[in-house]
Amino acid sequence: MGYVTRIVIIGGGPGGYEAALVASQLGAEVTVVDCDGLGGASVLTDCVPSKTLIATAEVMTTFDSSYEELGIIVADDTPPLEQAARVVGVDLGKVNRRVKRLALAQSHDITASVTRAGARVMRGRGRLEGCQTAGGTRCVVVEAADGTSETLTADAVLIATGARPRELADALPDGERILNWTQVYDLDELPEELIVVGSGVTGAEFAGAYQALGSKVTLVSSRDRVLPGEDPDAAAVLEDVFRRRGMNVMARSRATSAKRVPGPATTQGPSSPKAGEEGRVGDRVEVTLADGRVITGSHCLMAVGAIPNTTGMGLEEAGVKLKDSGHIWTDKVSRTSAPGVYAAGDVTGVFALASVAAMQGRIAMYHFLGDAVAPLNLKTVSSNVFTDPEIATVGYTQADVDSGRIDARCVKLPLLRNPRAKMQGIRDGFVKLFCRPGTGIVVGGVVVSPRASELIHPISIAVDNNLTVEQIANAFTVYPSLSGSIAEVARQLHTRKTASEL
């Protein structure tokens, strides 16, 4: 029997399980060490659950915002239109049960795929033990939940342990009223008044979703605007939509603490609550801001970033260099500073995207096992914010253009001009393209629209393959369609490019 390469993967998220599939297909002996279930946080507590919740919210928003304009008659016991009552409601307990069911089903599907490919899956926590041996191998100690341990020998190790919600010392989640994003799926009743602390992608997505489901939402942002890391035009559209739908967006407001306080005593019938019962009825959350202001709500969701899971794994002792943030330093083929040790996913701090984690994991295995590999190119990564409307981006950004990092021309076309958008009652959103002057090569794009995550794909193909605006403009689109706006923007960029050459 010939020599078999042994791969140990610590962490079963997208970076880990995709690497396991690739390594198994290339003939390696693969062991995946995972403590929660394959799919990791992305499948069990983050991406899959949140987008499942958002799917319900999206239906609610679409119906609420357009049923009258589209001529839909609600013939039931709904109050008259002049009353400020919703036409439809939501059973959050049922929604969350569906969320958990789908997440577990996805995790089971991934486990089946990995084991079918020939990989071994171990339940436990893995850590590196010492440095590389004289024979070039690594030791990984796996500690199971029952206290037993097993030592694995590996020719290469991939660290893909992900990240966990960041917590503030004075705003620790309790899983009931003060929550992080892994705990919201345990709620059986819709929060009446939800305070969301943090206006990044996670905060914006949950704020928009719970507002659509029927909560009164206050979004606390320490920055000047919602989604400070996204395209400024896109962020402005979303913030306008949030405010128009009744959300209280508090810009330049940094939260310093959150604590539970007793709600107002209520009277049930002719008698008052008994002594000591005042705090049991209507519990509240009090959030204090840096400027001394205090806001209250029934619940608070803390969405203030994530911390990489790198502690207690023997990484630095094994020669793995960590950044000041605790993330693992990697190069563009996922190598760490330690020979034979690779890393992928949120633990690297590159891009907190499942697609990037999966690509990093695949690249690591291709590289170590000697297959053809291309270094990670972040300028071809497409991403999406699952708000309503969605915000999808790829390639170079407005910030890159404004700062002079790239010389590019830009055209933005509002969706209000799109015939399909008019038919569907879509009022908010746009398509924006960036191209190089002279050549017309597409280098980036932004789509703000319902299903922007689907519409960004042709732009991603253009960026990845160095297509020109002429090629985009000359490709047929369906009429009427939202994708027609992509071709129209390309035509306008082509016209401007041609005019500038005259």
Protein backbone atom coordinates (compact mmCIF):
# COMPACT_ATOMS: atom_id res chain seq x y z
CA MET A 1 0.00 0.00 0.00
CA GLY A 2 1.35 3.42 -0.97
CA TYR A 3 1.84 6.41 1.26
CA VAL A 4 -1.36 8.24 2.19
CA THR A 5 -1.34 11.91 3.16
CA ARG A 6 -3.07 12.52 6.49
CA ILE A 7 -5.05 15.72 6.90
CA VAL A 8 -6.64 16.88 10.16
CA ILE A 9 -9.16 19.69 9.96
CA ILE A 10 -10.15 21.44 13.19
CA GLY A 11 -13.55 23.06 12.70
CA GLY A 12 -16.47 21.92 10.56
CA GLY A 13 -17.73 25.20 9.11
CA PRO A 14 -17.61 26.09 5.39
CA GLY A 15 -13.82 26.35 5.44
CA GLY A 16 -13.49 22.98 7.15
CA TYR A 17 -16.06 20.82 5.39
CA GLU A 18 -15.24 22.15 1.90
CA ALA A 19 -11.57 21.41 2.56
CA ALA A 20 -12.52 17.90 3.71
CA LEU A 21 -14.41 17.25 0.48
CA VAL A 22 -11.50 18.43 -1.67
CA ALA A 23 -8.84 16.55 0.28
CA SER A 24 -10.88 13.33 0.23
CA GLN A 25 -11.42 13.62 -3.51
CA LEU A 26 -7.67 14.06 -3.97
CA GLY A 27 -6.97 10.84 -2.09
CA ALA A 28 -5.96 12.08 1.36
CA GLU A 29 -6.94 10.46 4.64
CA VAL A 30 -9.07 13.14 6.27
CA THR A 31 -10.30 13.63 9.83
CA VAL A 32 -12.62 16.52 10.69
CA VAL A 33 -12.71 17.51 14.36
CA ASP A 34 -15.80 19.49 15.30
CA CYS A 35 -17.60 20.20 18.58
CA ASP A 36 -21.00 21.53 17.47
CA GLY A 37 -21.98 19.88 14.19
CA LEU A 38 -20.77 20.20 10.61
CA GLY A 39 -21.70 23.47 9.00
CA GLY A 40 -20.41 25.40 11.97
CA ALA A 41 -21.82 28.73 13.03
CA SER A 42 -22.65 29.55 9.41
CA VAL A 43 -25.22 26.76 9.27
CA LEU A 44 -26.26 26.35 12.90
CA THR A 45 -26.37 29.86 14.40
CA ASP A 46 -25.51 32.47 11.80
CA CYS A 47 -26.00 32.53 8.04
CA VAL A 48 -28.59 29.80 7.44
CA PRO A 49 -30.79 30.61 10.47
CA SER A 50 -30.70 34.38 9.94
CA LYS A 51 -31.53 34.14 6.24
CA THR A 52 -34.37 31.72 7.02
CA LEU A 53 -35.78 34.24 9.49
CA ILE A 54 -35.27 37.01 6.93
CA ALA A 55 -37.19 34.98 4.32
CA THR A 56 -40.31 35.28 6.47
CA ALA A 57 -39.64 38.97 7.10
CA GLU A 58 -39.23 39.56 3.37
CA VAL A 59 -42.67 38.13 2.64
CA MET A 60 -44.15 40.36 5.32
CA THR A 61 -42.46 43.47 3.97
CA THR A 62 -43.37 42.76 0.36
CA PHE A 63 -47.01 42.26 1.26
CA ASP A 64 -47.24 45.22 3.63
CA SER A 65 -45.62 47.64 1.19
CA SER A 66 -47.33 46.67 -2.04
CA TYR A 67 -50.61 44.79 -1.59
CA GLU A 68 -52.75 47.92 -2.02
CA GLU A 69 -50.85 49.18 -5.06
CA LEU A 70 -50.98 45.74 -6.69
CA GLY A 71 -54.74 45.58 -6.21
CA ILE A 72 -54.83 42.77 -3.63
CA ILE A 73 -58.03 42.67 -1.55
CA VAL A 74 -57.87 41.23 1.96
CA ALA A 75 -61.34 39.80 2.56
CA ASP A 76 -61.29 38.74 6.21
CA ASP A 77 -61.68 40.32 9.64
CA THR A 78 -58.85 42.79 9.03
CA PRO A 79 -59.62 46.27 10.40
CA PRO A 80 -60.46 49.01 7.90
CA LEU A 81 -57.54 50.57 6.06
CA GLU A 82 -57.94 53.84 7.94
CA GLN A 83 -56.93 52.06 11.12
CA ALA A 84 -53.22 51.67 11.86
CA ALA A 85 -53.28 47.86 12.02
CA ARG A 86 -51.28 45.28 10.11
CA VAL A 87 -53.03 43.06 7.64
CA VAL A 88 -50.92 40.03 8.52
CA GLY A 89 -48.98 38.93 11.58
CA VAL A 90 -46.35 36.37 12.47
CA ASP A 91 -45.98 33.47 14.93
CA LEU A 92 -42.34 33.88 15.93
CA GLY A 93 -42.27 30.57 17.79
CA LYS A 94 -43.30 28.75 14.62
CA VAL A 95 -40.81 30.76 12.56
CA ASN A 96 -37.96 29.89 14.91
CA ARG A 97 -38.89 26.22 15.00
CA ARG A 98 -38.63 26.20 11.22
CA VAL A 99 -35.30 28.04 11.43
CA LYS A 100 -33.81 25.40 13.75
CA ARG A 101 -35.25 22.52 11.76
CA LEU A 102 -33.74 23.74 8.49
CA ALA A 103 -30.38 24.47 10.11
CA LEU A 104 -30.13 20.96 11.57
CA ALA A 105 -31.22 19.41 8.28
CA GLN A 106 -28.50 21.32 6.45
CA SER A 107 -25.91 20.22 9.01
CA HIS A 108 -26.96 16.59 8.60
CA ASP A 109 -26.75 16.88 4.80
CA ILE A 110 -23.20 18.25 5.07
CA THR A 111 -22.18 15.47 7.47
CA ALA A 112 -23.55 12.88 5.06
CA SER A 113 -21.63 14.42 2.16
CA VAL A 114 -18.36 14.52 4.08
CA THR A 115 -18.60 10.96 5.39
CA ARG A 116 -19.72 9.71 1.97
CA ALA A 117 -16.56 11.27 0.52
CA GLY A 118 -14.54 9.08 2.90
CA ALA A 119 -13.62 11.53 5.67
CA ARG A 120 -13.82 10.68 9.36
CA VAL A 121 -15.82 13.05 11.58
CA MET A 122 -14.87 13.29 15.27
CA ARG A 123 -16.94 15.12 17.86
CA GLY A 124 -14.65 17.06 20.19
CA ARG A 125 -12.25 19.99 20.52
CA GLY A 126 -8.90 19.89 18.80
CA ARG A 127 -5.62 21.59 19.66
CA LEU A 128 -2.12 21.53 18.26
CA GLU A 129 0.45 19.77 20.41
CA GLY A 130 3.98 21.11 20.07
CA CYS A 131 5.86 22.01 16.92
CA GLN A 132 6.43 20.08 13.73
CA THR A 133 8.30 16.82 14.25
CA ALA A 134 11.56 15.88 12.54
CA GLY A 135 9.49 13.79 10.13
CA GLY A 136 7.42 16.83 9.16
CA THR A 137 4.22 15.76 10.91
CA ARG A 138 1.97 17.53 13.41
CA CYS A 139 0.16 16.20 16.48
CA VAL A 140 -3.46 17.16 17.16
CA VAL A 141 -5.03 16.27 20.50
CA VAL A 142 -8.80 15.79 20.38
CA GLU A 143 -10.71 16.08 23.65
CA ALA A 144 -14.19 14.56 23.58
CA ALA A 145 -17.13 15.74 25.65
CA ASP A 146 -16.86 12.68 27.92
CA GLY A 147 -13.34 13.68 28.94
CA THR A 148 -11.47 11.13 26.85
CA SER A 149 -8.78 12.24 24.43
CA GLU A 150 -7.10 10.95 21.29
CA THR A 151 -3.90 12.08 19.59
CA LEU A 152 -3.90 12.29 15.79
CA THR A 153 -0.83 12.49 13.58
CA ALA A 154 -1.18 14.74 10.54
CA ASP A 155 0.95 15.72 7.57
CA ALA A 156 -1.06 18.96 7.43
CA VAL A 157 -3.54 20.67 9.73
CA LEU A 158 -6.24 23.16 8.74
CA ILE A 159 -7.59 25.51 11.44
CA ALA A 160 -11.17 26.53 10.63
CA THR A 161 -12.67 27.22 14.05
CA GLY A 162 -14.60 30.36 13.12
CA ALA A 163 -15.61 33.14 15.48
CA ARG A 164 -18.08 33.89 18.25
CA PRO A 165 -20.12 37.01 19.11
CA ARG A 166 -18.15 39.79 20.76
CA GLU A 167 -19.49 40.80 24.16
CA LEU A 168 -19.31 44.04 26.14
CA ALA A 169 -18.45 43.67 29.81
CA ASP A 170 -21.43 45.81 30.82
CA ALA A 171 -23.87 44.28 28.34
CA LEU A 172 -23.53 40.53 28.76
CA PRO A 173 -26.28 38.49 27.07
CA ASP A 174 -28.59 36.48 29.32
CA GLY A 175 -30.44 34.64 26.54
CA GLU A 176 -33.81 36.08 27.58
CA ARG A 177 -33.89 39.88 27.25
CA ILE A 178 -30.31 40.75 26.32
CA LEU A 179 -29.34 38.56 23.37
CA ASN A 180 -26.57 37.88 20.91
CA TRP A 181 -27.34 36.69 17.39
CA THR A 182 -27.03 33.00 18.34
CA GLN A 183 -29.78 33.30 20.97
CA VAL A 184 -32.59 35.02 19.09
CA TYR A 185 -33.90 31.71 17.73
CA ASP A 186 -34.97 30.64 21.22
CA LEU A 187 -37.61 33.39 21.38
CA ASP A 188 -41.22 32.19 21.27
CA GLU A 189 -42.81 35.63 21.18
CA LEU A 190 -41.99 38.63 19.03
CA PRO A 191 -40.11 41.37 20.92
CA GLU A 192 -42.44 44.31 21.37
CA GLU A 193 -39.64 46.89 21.41
CA LEU A 194 -36.25 45.71 20.21
CA ILE A 195 -33.04 47.71 20.64
CA VAL A 196 -30.33 46.58 18.20
CA VAL A 197 -26.84 47.71 19.19
CA GLY A 198 -24.54 47.76 16.17
CA SER A 199 -25.27 48.92 12.63
CA GLY A 200 -22.95 46.64 10.68
CA VAL A 201 -24.25 43.85 8.47
CA THR A 202 -25.55 41.68 11.32
CA GLY A 203 -27.23 44.56 13.14
CA ALA A 204 -28.82 45.96 9.98
CA GLU A 205 -30.12 42.57 8.86
CA PHE A 206 -31.75 41.75 12.21
CA ALA A 207 -33.08 45.29 12.68
CA GLY A 208 -34.76 45.18 9.27
CA ALA A 209 -36.07 41.66 9.81
CA TYR A 210 -37.64 42.28 13.22
CA GLN A 211 -39.15 45.55 12.05
CA ALA A 212 -40.77 43.65 9.17
CA LEU A 213 -42.02 40.97 11.56
CA GLY A 214 -43.74 43.62 13.65
CA SER A 215 -41.34 44.76 16.37
CA LYS A 216 -40.78 48.41 17.15
CA VAL A 217 -37.04 48.70 16.46
CA THR A 218 -34.38 51.16 17.61
CA LEU A 219 -31.04 50.78 15.84
CA VAL A 220 -28.08 52.19 17.78
CA SER A 221 -25.13 53.07 15.53
CA SER A 222 -21.81 54.39 16.78
CA ARG A 223 -21.01 55.62 13.25
CA ASP A 224 -22.44 58.38 11.08
CA ARG A 225 -24.62 56.00 9.14
CA VAL A 226 -25.95 52.47 8.91
CA LEU A 227 -23.59 49.96 7.24
CA PRO A 228 -20.45 52.13 7.43
CA GLY A 229 -18.44 49.53 5.52
CA GLU A 230 -20.76 49.38 2.52
CA ASP A 231 -21.26 51.58 -0.53
CA PRO A 232 -22.40 55.01 0.78
CA ASP A 233 -25.19 55.35 -1.80
CA ALA A 234 -26.50 51.91 -0.89
CA ALA A 235 -26.32 52.62 2.83
CA ALA A 236 -28.21 55.89 2.31
CA VAL A 237 -31.02 54.08 0.49
CA LEU A 238 -31.32 51.49 3.25
CA GLU A 239 -31.28 54.03 6.06
CA ASP A 240 -33.98 56.04 4.29
CA VAL A 241 -36.09 52.89 3.93
CA PHE A 242 -35.57 52.01 7.59
CA ARG A 243 -36.66 55.45 8.76
CA ARG A 244 -39.60 55.57 6.37
CA ARG A 245 -40.88 52.27 7.74
CA GLY A 246 -40.76 53.62 11.28
CA MET A 247 -37.41 52.48 12.62
CA ASN A 248 -35.65 54.78 15.09
CA VAL A 249 -32.09 55.00 13.75
CA MET A 250 -29.74 56.63 16.25
CA ALA A 251 -26.50 57.66 14.52
CA ARG A 252 -23.30 58.63 16.38
CA SER A 253 -24.62 56.89 19.49
CA ARG A 254 -22.27 54.45 21.18
CA ALA A 255 -23.80 52.04 23.68
CA THR A 256 -21.77 51.47 26.84
CA SER A 257 -24.03 49.16 28.84
CA ALA A 258 -27.26 47.19 28.79
CA LYS A 259 -29.07 45.85 31.82
CA ARG A 260 -32.43 44.42 32.75
CA VAL A 261 -34.74 46.57 34.84
CA PRO A 262 -38.19 45.86 36.27
CA GLY A 263 -41.05 46.92 34.07
CA PRO A 264 -43.95 49.01 35.33
CA ALA A 265 -46.27 47.25 37.74
CA THR A 266 -49.55 46.27 36.11
CA THR A 267 -52.92 45.71 37.68
CA GLN A 268 -54.84 42.57 36.81
CA GLY A 269 -58.49 42.95 37.67
CA PRO A 270 -59.41 44.81 40.84
CA SER A 271 -56.31 43.73 42.77
CA SER A 272 -52.74 45.03 42.49
CA PRO A 273 -49.73 42.70 42.10
CA LYS A 274 -48.54 41.14 45.31
CA ALA A 275 -45.43 42.41 47.00
CA GLY A 276 -42.31 41.41 45.10
CA GLU A 277 -44.13 40.72 41.82
CA GLU A 278 -43.59 44.12 40.19
CA GLY A 279 -40.41 43.00 38.40
CA ARG A 280 -41.98 39.83 37.02
CA VAL A 281 -44.43 41.62 34.77
CA GLY A 282 -43.12 43.56 31.77
CA ASP A 283 -39.37 43.18 32.27
CA ARG A 284 -37.45 45.87 30.39
CA VAL A 285 -33.91 46.43 29.10
CA GLU A 286 -32.14 49.71 29.71
CA VAL A 287 -29.33 50.69 27.32
CA THR A 288 -27.02 53.53 28.35
CA LEU A 289 -25.20 55.54 25.68
CA ALA A 290 -21.78 57.16 25.97
CA ASP A 291 -23.33 60.65 26.13
CA GLY A 292 -25.49 59.69 29.12
CA ARG A 293 -28.75 59.14 27.28
CA VAL A 294 -30.77 56.08 28.29
CA ILE A 295 -33.15 54.16 26.02
CA THR A 296 -35.40 51.28 27.02
CA GLY A 297 -37.05 48.41 25.25
CA SER A 298 -38.45 44.96 25.89
CA HIS A 299 -35.36 43.25 24.40
CA CYS A 300 -31.85 44.14 23.27
CA LEU A 301 -29.80 42.45 20.56
CA MET A 302 -26.05 42.98 20.79
CA ALA A 303 -24.41 42.93 17.34
CA VAL A 304 -21.01 44.45 18.03
CA GLY A 305 -18.72 42.21 16.04
CA ALA A 306 -17.06 38.83 16.46
CA ILE A 307 -13.99 37.34 18.13
CA PRO A 308 -11.94 34.56 16.49
CA ASN A 309 -11.89 31.18 18.21
CA THR A 310 -8.13 30.87 18.62
CA THR A 311 -7.61 30.61 22.38
CA GLY A 312 -6.67 27.36 24.09
CA MET A 313 -5.57 25.68 20.86
CA GLY A 314 -1.81 25.76 21.30
CA LEU A 315 -1.41 27.88 18.19
CA GLU A 316 1.35 30.25 19.24
CA GLU A 317 3.25 27.43 20.94
CA ALA A 318 3.10 25.57 17.63
CA GLY A 319 4.54 28.56 15.75
CA VAL A 320 1.27 30.00 14.39
CA LYS A 321 1.44 33.80 14.27
CA LEU A 322 -1.63 35.67 15.51
CA LYS A 323 -2.63 39.25 14.74
CA ASP A 324 -3.33 41.74 17.54
CA SER A 325 -7.04 41.00 17.02
CA GLY A 326 -6.47 37.31 17.72
CA HIS A 327 -6.98 36.29 14.08
CA ILE A 328 -4.55 33.91 12.39
CA TRP A 329 -2.16 35.43 9.88
CA THR A 330 -2.35 33.67 6.49
CA ASP A 331 -0.98 34.22 3.00
CA LYS A 332 -3.02 34.02 -0.20
CA VAL A 333 -2.86 30.22 -0.32
CA SER A 334 -4.07 29.90 3.30
CA ARG A 335 -0.67 29.05 4.83
CA THR A 336 0.04 30.22 8.37
CA SER A 337 3.51 31.03 9.69
CA ALA A 338 3.87 27.43 10.92
CA PRO A 339 4.96 24.79 8.37
CA GLY A 340 2.19 22.33 7.62
CA VAL A 341 -0.52 24.45 9.27
CA TYR A 342 -3.18 26.23 7.21
CA ALA A 343 -6.18 28.33 8.25
CA ALA A 344 -9.49 29.28 6.66
CA GLY A 345 -12.63 31.23 7.43
CA ASP A 346 -13.58 33.79 10.06
CA VAL A 347 -10.62 32.74 12.20
CA THR A 348 -8.36 34.46 9.64
CA GLY A 349 -10.21 37.79 9.65
CA VAL A 350 -9.99 38.06 5.86
CA PHE A 351 -13.69 38.32 4.96
CA ALA A 352 -16.47 37.05 7.23
CA LEU A 353 -18.20 35.27 4.36
CA ALA A 354 -19.02 31.58 4.00
CA SER A 355 -17.99 31.71 0.34
CA VAL A 356 -14.56 33.09 1.23
CA ALA A 357 -14.09 30.53 4.02
CA ALA A 358 -14.95 27.71 1.61
CA MET A 359 -12.53 29.05 -1.01
CA GLN A 360 -9.74 29.41 1.56
CA GLY A 361 -10.28 25.82 2.67
CA ARG A 362 -10.25 24.49 -0.87
CA ILE A 363 -7.16 26.54 -1.77
CA ALA A 364 -5.33 25.17 1.29
CA MET A 365 -5.94 21.58 0.24
CA TYR A 366 -5.12 22.19 -3.42
CA HIS A 367 -1.86 23.81 -2.37
CA PHE A 368 -0.73 21.21 0.14
CA LEU A 369 -1.71 18.23 -2.02
CA GLY A 370 0.03 19.63 -5.09
CA ASP A 371 -3.00 20.32 -7.26
CA ALA A 372 -3.37 23.37 -9.51
CA VAL A 373 -4.24 26.40 -7.40
CA ALA A 374 -4.77 30.12 -7.85
CA PRO A 375 -4.15 32.50 -4.90
CA LEU A 376 -7.17 34.05 -3.20
CA ASN A 377 -8.25 37.19 -5.07
CA LEU A 378 -10.46 39.32 -2.83
CA LYS A 379 -11.32 41.72 -5.67
CA THR A 380 -13.51 39.05 -7.25
CA VAL A 381 -15.47 38.29 -4.07
CA SER A 382 -19.19 39.07 -4.22
CA SER A 383 -21.10 39.71 -1.01
CA ASN A 384 -24.65 40.53 0.01
CA VAL A 385 -26.43 42.25 2.87
CA PHE A 386 -29.78 40.50 3.32
CA THR A 387 -31.83 43.52 4.24
CA ASP A 388 -34.90 44.72 2.32
CA PRO A 389 -33.82 45.91 -0.18
CA GLU A 390 -30.72 43.73 -0.39
CA ILE A 391 -27.29 45.24 -1.06
CA ALA A 392 -24.91 43.21 -3.23
CA THR A 393 -21.37 44.23 -4.14
CA VAL A 394 -18.38 42.86 -6.02
CA GLY A 395 -14.94 44.12 -6.94
CA TYR A 396 -13.64 47.64 -6.43
CA THR A 397 -15.82 50.03 -4.46
CA GLN A 398 -16.78 53.69 -4.39
CA ALA A 399 -14.28 54.15 -1.58
CA ASP A 400 -11.51 52.72 -3.79
CA VAL A 401 -12.40 55.20 -6.53
CA ASP A 402 -12.75 58.19 -4.20
CA SER A 403 -9.41 57.46 -2.52
CA GLY A 404 -7.58 57.10 -5.81
CA ARG A 405 -6.73 53.42 -5.34
CA ILE A 406 -8.15 52.84 -8.81
CA ASP A 407 -9.06 55.09 -11.72
CA ALA A 408 -12.57 54.11 -12.79
CA ARG A 409 -15.70 55.57 -14.33
CA CYS A 410 -19.05 55.04 -12.67
CA VAL A 411 -22.72 55.17 -13.64
CA LYS A 412 -25.64 54.65 -11.26
CA LEU A 413 -29.14 53.94 -12.55
CA PRO A 414 -32.16 54.07 -10.17
CA LEU A 415 -34.54 51.12 -10.37
CA LEU A 416 -37.44 53.56 -10.60
CA ARG A 417 -36.76 53.68 -14.34
CA ASN A 418 -36.95 49.90 -14.72
CA PRO A 419 -40.29 48.67 -16.13
CA ARG A 420 -40.21 45.40 -14.19
CA ALA A 421 -39.58 47.32 -10.96
CA LYS A 422 -42.59 49.51 -11.68
CA MET A 423 -44.77 46.43 -12.24
CA GLN A 424 -43.66 44.90 -8.95
CA GLY A 425 -44.07 48.11 -6.95
CA ILE A 426 -40.32 48.46 -6.30
CA ARG A 427 -39.42 52.07 -5.52
CA ASP A 428 -36.02 51.83 -3.84
CA GLY A 429 -32.71 50.70 -5.24
CA PHE A 430 -30.23 51.11 -8.07
CA VAL A 431 -27.57 49.45 -10.18
CA LYS A 432 -24.05 50.91 -10.18
CA LEU A 433 -21.11 49.80 -12.33
CA PHE A 434 -17.44 50.77 -12.27
CA CYS A 435 -15.23 50.36 -15.34
CA ARG A 436 -11.70 51.30 -16.32
CA PRO A 437 -11.42 54.36 -18.57
CA GLY A 438 -10.15 53.56 -22.05
CA THR A 439 -10.58 49.78 -21.94
CA GLY A 440 -14.07 49.74 -20.42
CA ILE A 441 -13.21 46.64 -18.35
CA VAL A 442 -15.73 46.15 -15.54
CA VAL A 443 -13.96 46.29 -12.16
CA GLY A 444 -16.85 46.49 -9.70
CA GLY A 445 -20.53 46.90 -9.14
CA VAL A 446 -23.31 47.47 -6.63
CA VAL A 447 -26.93 46.33 -6.81
CA VAL A 448 -29.55 47.56 -4.35
CA SER A 449 -32.76 45.68 -5.02
CA PRO A 450 -34.94 42.80 -3.96
CA ARG A 451 -32.94 39.64 -4.75
CA ALA A 452 -29.77 41.66 -5.33
CA SER A 453 -27.90 38.50 -4.30
CA GLU A 454 -29.08 36.93 -7.55
CA LEU A 455 -28.62 40.01 -9.75
CA ILE A 456 -24.97 40.51 -8.77
CA HIS A 457 -23.87 37.29 -10.46
CA PRO A 458 -23.53 38.63 -14.03
CA ILE A 459 -21.45 41.50 -12.68
CA SER A 460 -19.32 39.01 -10.71
CA ILE A 461 -18.71 37.06 -13.92
CA ALA A 462 -17.72 40.28 -15.67
CA VAL A 463 -15.27 41.25 -12.92
CA ASP A 464 -13.76 37.77 -12.67
CA ASN A 465 -13.28 37.47 -16.43
CA ASN A 466 -12.26 41.07 -17.24
CA LEU A 467 -15.29 41.61 -19.46
CA THR A 468 -15.96 45.07 -20.89
CA VAL A 469 -19.04 47.24 -20.66
CA GLU A 470 -19.52 46.65 -24.38
CA GLN A 471 -19.76 42.89 -23.81
CA ILE A 472 -22.26 43.37 -20.97
CA ALA A 473 -24.30 45.83 -23.03
CA ASN A 474 -24.44 43.56 -26.07
CA ALA A 475 -25.67 40.48 -24.18
CA PHE A 476 -29.42 39.89 -24.46
CA THR A 477 -31.57 40.45 -21.38
CA VAL A 478 -35.19 39.47 -20.85
CA TYR A 479 -37.75 42.25 -21.23
CA PRO A 480 -39.03 43.26 -18.79
CA SER A 481 -36.54 42.26 -16.10
CA LEU A 482 -34.55 43.84 -13.30
CA SER A 483 -31.39 42.54 -14.95
CA GLY A 484 -32.15 44.86 -17.85
CA SER A 485 -30.86 47.70 -15.68
CA ILE A 486 -27.41 46.06 -15.62
CA ALA A 487 -27.25 46.14 -19.42
CA GLU A 488 -28.56 49.71 -19.47
CA VAL A 489 -25.88 50.91 -17.06
CA ALA A 490 -23.27 49.19 -19.23
CA ARG A 491 -24.64 50.97 -22.30
CA GLN A 492 -24.42 54.32 -20.54
CA LEU A 493 -20.83 53.62 -19.49
CA HIS A 494 -19.99 52.63 -23.06
CA THR A 495 -21.49 55.87 -24.34
CA ARG A 496 -19.50 57.93 -21.84
CA LYS A 497 -16.31 56.03 -22.62
CA THR A 498 -16.78 56.61 -26.34
CA ALA A 499 -17.58 60.30 -25.86
CA SER A 500 -14.45 60.81 -23.74
CA GLU A 501 -12.29 59.35 -26.51
CA LEU A 502 -13.51 61.81 -29.12
